[in-house]
């Protein structure tokens, strides 16, 4: 469960970086 959350946050962060 915790790993899933970390993975999701990492994906969201990557999307933000890509957007910028």
C-alpha atoms as a PDB file:
ATOM      1  CA  UNK A   1       0.000   0.000   0.000  1.00  0.00           C
ATOM      2  CA  UNK A   2       2.692   2.473   1.014  1.00  0.00           C
ATOM      3  CA  UNK A   3       4.745   1.647  -2.085  1.00  0.00           C
ATOM      4  CA  UNK A   4       1.681   2.267  -4.250  1.00  0.00           C
ATOM      5  CA  UNK A   5       1.238   5.711  -2.721  1.00  0.00           C
ATOM      6  CA  UNK A   6       4.898   6.586  -3.269  1.00  0.00           C
ATOM      7  CA  UNK A   7       4.699   5.364  -6.844  1.00  0.00           C
ATOM      8  CA  UNK A   8       1.564   7.417  -7.483  1.00  0.00           C
ATOM      9  CA  UNK A   9       3.137  10.566  -6.011  1.00  0.00           C
ATOM     10  CA  UNK A  10       6.242   9.992  -8.136  1.00  0.00           C
ATOM     11  CA  UNK A  11       4.097   9.700 -11.295  1.00  0.00           C
ATOM     12  CA  UNK A  12       2.237  12.908 -10.402  1.00  0.00           C
ATOM     13  CA  UNK A  13       5.557  14.695  -9.835  1.00  0.00           C
ATOM     14  CA  UNK A  14       6.874  13.453 -13.189  1.00  0.00           C
ATOM     15  CA  UNK A  15       3.731  14.785 -14.898  1.00  0.00           C
ATOM     16  CA  UNK A  16       4.285  18.183 -13.275  1.00  0.00           C
ATOM     17  CA  UNK A  17       7.914  18.275 -14.423  1.00  0.00           C
ATOM     18  CA  UNK A  18       6.869  17.275 -17.938  1.00  0.00           C
ATOM     19  CA  UNK A  19       4.181  19.956 -17.937  1.00  0.00           C
ATOM     20  CA  UNK A  20       6.736  22.603 -16.983  1.00  0.00           C
END
